[in-house]
Amino acid sequence: MKKSEKPIQILLDNNVFDAAIHNPGRETKSLQLLLELIRNRNLHLVGNQYHLEEMSKYSEVYPSPTALLLLKALISKMEHIAVEDRYIKLCLNYMDPSSPVDII
């Protein structure tokens, strides 16, 4: 990547993580995608504390060495962004308040 180029920022949907670790014995397209996101230096992963908590829950539901390694690799590459209250309040108008993770 050239110095003048900005990396592509990606917020990974937790369903991709879930699909990749659901059956770690299979090499799914979701697993291949996660590995590419981790390896590719032109891609910049972003997330927030709620996003990471949900991925951690998935890794507990489908425990495996693969799930743990992927989670650690994603966390180490991901820039953690704080979600400001004003954005949460805006989203409350459009999302079901009974699912706070989805609001964020």
C-alpha atoms as a PDB file:
ATOM      1  CA  MET A   1       0.000   0.000   0.000  1.00  0.00           C
ATOM      2  CA  LYS A   2       1.310   3.427  -0.917  1.00  0.00           C
ATOM      3  CA  LYS A   3       1.604   6.043   1.828  1.00  0.00           C
ATOM      4  CA  SER A   4      -1.031   8.223   0.139  1.00  0.00           C
ATOM      5  CA  GLU A   5      -3.604   5.412   0.056  1.00  0.00           C
ATOM      6  CA  LYS A   6      -5.952   4.981   2.973  1.00  0.00           C
ATOM      7  CA  PRO A   7      -6.746   1.452   4.084  1.00  0.00           C
ATOM      8  CA  ILE A   8     -10.243   0.157   3.493  1.00  0.00           C
ATOM      9  CA  GLN A   9     -12.199   0.273   6.761  1.00  0.00           C
ATOM     10  CA  ILE A  10     -14.419  -2.684   7.544  1.00  0.00           C
ATOM     11  CA  LEU A  11     -16.914  -3.324  10.317  1.00  0.00           C
ATOM     12  CA  LEU A  12     -17.228  -7.084  10.349  1.00  0.00           C
ATOM     13  CA  ASP A  13     -20.741  -8.403  10.753  1.00  0.00           C
ATOM     14  CA  ASN A  14     -20.862 -10.870  13.630  1.00  0.00           C
ATOM     15  CA  ASN A  15     -22.780 -13.336  11.465  1.00  0.00           C
ATOM     16  CA  VAL A  16     -19.591 -13.846   9.428  1.00  0.00           C
ATOM     17  CA  PHE A  17     -17.677 -14.710  12.601  1.00  0.00           C
ATOM     18  CA  ASP A  18     -20.511 -17.019  13.712  1.00  0.00           C
ATOM     19  CA  ALA A  19     -20.550 -18.812  10.350  1.00  0.00           C
ATOM     20  CA  ALA A  20     -16.767 -19.245  10.393  1.00  0.00           C
ATOM     21  CA  ILE A  21     -16.640 -20.846  13.846  1.00  0.00           C
ATOM     22  CA  HIS A  22     -19.939 -22.751  13.786  1.00  0.00           C
ATOM     23  CA  ASN A  23     -18.225 -25.815  12.361  1.00  0.00           C
ATOM     24  CA  PRO A  24     -14.468 -25.196  12.539  1.00  0.00           C
ATOM     25  CA  GLY A  25     -13.659 -28.541  10.913  1.00  0.00           C
ATOM     26  CA  ARG A  26     -15.033 -27.270   7.614  1.00  0.00           C
ATOM     27  CA  GLU A  27     -13.094 -24.686   5.670  1.00  0.00           C
ATOM     28  CA  THR A  28     -16.023 -22.438   4.821  1.00  0.00           C
ATOM     29  CA  LYS A  29     -15.993 -19.308   2.697  1.00  0.00           C
ATOM     30  CA  SER A  30     -16.670 -17.361   5.907  1.00  0.00           C
ATOM     31  CA  LEU A  31     -13.527 -18.790   7.469  1.00  0.00           C
ATOM     32  CA  GLN A  32     -11.515 -17.951   4.347  1.00  0.00           C
ATOM     33  CA  LEU A  33     -12.902 -14.397   4.432  1.00  0.00           C
ATOM     34  CA  LEU A  34     -11.895 -13.924   8.072  1.00  0.00           C
ATOM     35  CA  LEU A  35      -8.397 -15.184   7.371  1.00  0.00           C
ATOM     36  CA  GLU A  36      -8.072 -12.736   4.476  1.00  0.00           C
ATOM     37  CA  LEU A  37      -9.328  -9.857   6.633  1.00  0.00           C
ATOM     38  CA  ILE A  38      -6.741 -10.723   9.275  1.00  0.00           C
ATOM     39  CA  ARG A  39      -3.838 -11.123   6.826  1.00  0.00           C
ATOM     40  CA  ASN A  40      -4.517  -8.256   4.434  1.00  0.00           C
ATOM     41  CA  ARG A  41      -2.666  -5.113   5.530  1.00  0.00           C
ATOM     42  CA  ASN A  42      -4.781  -2.914   3.248  1.00  0.00           C
ATOM     43  CA  LEU A  43      -7.857  -3.690   5.316  1.00  0.00           C
ATOM     44  CA  HIS A  44      -8.521  -1.856   8.566  1.00  0.00           C
ATOM     45  CA  LEU A  45     -11.001  -3.524  10.923  1.00  0.00           C
ATOM     46  CA  VAL A  46     -13.095  -1.402  13.271  1.00  0.00           C
ATOM     47  CA  GLY A  47     -15.457  -2.394  16.055  1.00  0.00           C
ATOM     48  CA  ASN A  48     -16.779  -1.437  19.466  1.00  0.00           C
ATOM     49  CA  GLN A  49     -17.079  -3.047  22.875  1.00  0.00           C
ATOM     50  CA  TYR A  50     -20.559  -4.439  22.124  1.00  0.00           C
ATOM     51  CA  HIS A  51     -19.380  -5.905  18.861  1.00  0.00           C
ATOM     52  CA  LEU A  52     -16.487  -7.640  20.638  1.00  0.00           C
ATOM     53  CA  GLU A  53     -18.732  -8.897  23.439  1.00  0.00           C
ATOM     54  CA  GLU A  54     -21.043 -10.517  20.899  1.00  0.00           C
ATOM     55  CA  MET A  55     -18.135 -12.197  19.105  1.00  0.00           C
ATOM     56  CA  SER A  56     -16.903 -13.468  22.479  1.00  0.00           C
ATOM     57  CA  LYS A  57     -20.352 -14.953  23.176  1.00  0.00           C
ATOM     58  CA  TYR A  58     -20.306 -16.758  19.824  1.00  0.00           C
ATOM     59  CA  SER A  59     -16.897 -18.212  20.645  1.00  0.00           C
ATOM     60  CA  GLU A  60     -18.354 -19.550  23.912  1.00  0.00           C
ATOM     61  CA  VAL A  61     -21.377 -21.068  22.139  1.00  0.00           C
ATOM     62  CA  TYR A  62     -19.091 -22.791  19.582  1.00  0.00           C
ATOM     63  CA  PRO A  63     -15.904 -23.356  21.598  1.00  0.00           C
ATOM     64  CA  SER A  64     -12.840 -24.532  19.699  1.00  0.00           C
ATOM     65  CA  PRO A  65      -9.176 -23.636  19.334  1.00  0.00           C
ATOM     66  CA  THR A  66     -10.065 -22.157  15.925  1.00  0.00           C
ATOM     67  CA  ALA A  67     -12.712 -19.858  17.418  1.00  0.00           C
ATOM     68  CA  LEU A  68     -10.338 -18.652  20.109  1.00  0.00           C
ATOM     69  CA  LEU A  69      -7.470 -18.003  17.677  1.00  0.00           C
ATOM     70  CA  LEU A  70      -9.731 -16.143  15.245  1.00  0.00           C
ATOM     71  CA  LEU A  71     -11.194 -14.033  18.035  1.00  0.00           C
ATOM     72  CA  LYS A  72      -7.755 -13.097  19.342  1.00  0.00           C
ATOM     73  CA  ALA A  73      -6.481 -12.273  15.842  1.00  0.00           C
ATOM     74  CA  LEU A  74      -9.509 -10.104  15.055  1.00  0.00           C
ATOM     75  CA  ILE A  75      -9.277  -8.264  18.371  1.00  0.00           C
ATOM     76  CA  SER A  76      -5.582  -7.561  17.860  1.00  0.00           C
ATOM     77  CA  LYS A  77      -6.177  -6.151  14.378  1.00  0.00           C
ATOM     78  CA  MET A  78      -9.365  -4.251  15.176  1.00  0.00           C
ATOM     79  CA  GLU A  79      -9.443  -0.586  16.110  1.00  0.00           C
ATOM     80  CA  HIS A  80     -11.829  -0.214  19.025  1.00  0.00           C
ATOM     81  CA  ILE A  81     -14.140   2.763  18.578  1.00  0.00           C
ATOM     82  CA  ALA A  82     -16.282   4.165  21.381  1.00  0.00           C
ATOM     83  CA  VAL A  83     -19.907   4.677  20.456  1.00  0.00           C
ATOM     84  CA  GLU A  84     -21.167   8.092  21.483  1.00  0.00           C
ATOM     85  CA  ASP A  85     -24.502   8.276  23.303  1.00  0.00           C
ATOM     86  CA  ARG A  86     -25.951  10.682  20.750  1.00  0.00           C
ATOM     87  CA  TYR A  87     -25.623   8.042  18.016  1.00  0.00           C
ATOM     88  CA  ILE A  88     -27.238   5.407  20.195  1.00  0.00           C
ATOM     89  CA  LYS A  89     -30.172   7.761  20.855  1.00  0.00           C
ATOM     90  CA  LEU A  90     -30.571   8.397  17.124  1.00  0.00           C
ATOM     91  CA  CYS A  91     -30.598   4.685  16.363  1.00  0.00           C
ATOM     92  CA  LEU A  92     -33.211   4.013  19.057  1.00  0.00           C
ATOM     93  CA  ASN A  93     -35.743   5.650  16.742  1.00  0.00           C
ATOM     94  CA  TYR A  94     -35.215   2.906  14.178  1.00  0.00           C
ATOM     95  CA  MET A  95     -34.252  -0.206  16.142  1.00  0.00           C
ATOM     96  CA  ASP A  96     -35.971  -2.458  18.648  1.00  0.00           C
ATOM     97  CA  PRO A  97     -34.787  -1.259  22.091  1.00  0.00           C
ATOM     98  CA  SER A  98     -34.986  -4.808  23.483  1.00  0.00           C
ATOM     99  CA  SER A  99     -31.809  -5.677  21.536  1.00  0.00           C
ATOM    100  CA  PRO A 100     -29.141  -3.159  22.596  1.00  0.00           C
ATOM    101  CA  VAL A 101     -26.318  -4.866  20.663  1.00  0.00           C
ATOM    102  CA  ASP A 102     -28.247  -4.463  17.418  1.00  0.00           C
ATOM    103  CA  ILE A 103     -28.839  -0.771  18.129  1.00  0.00           C
ATOM    104  CA  ILE A 104     -25.106  -0.184  18.321  1.00  0.00           C
END
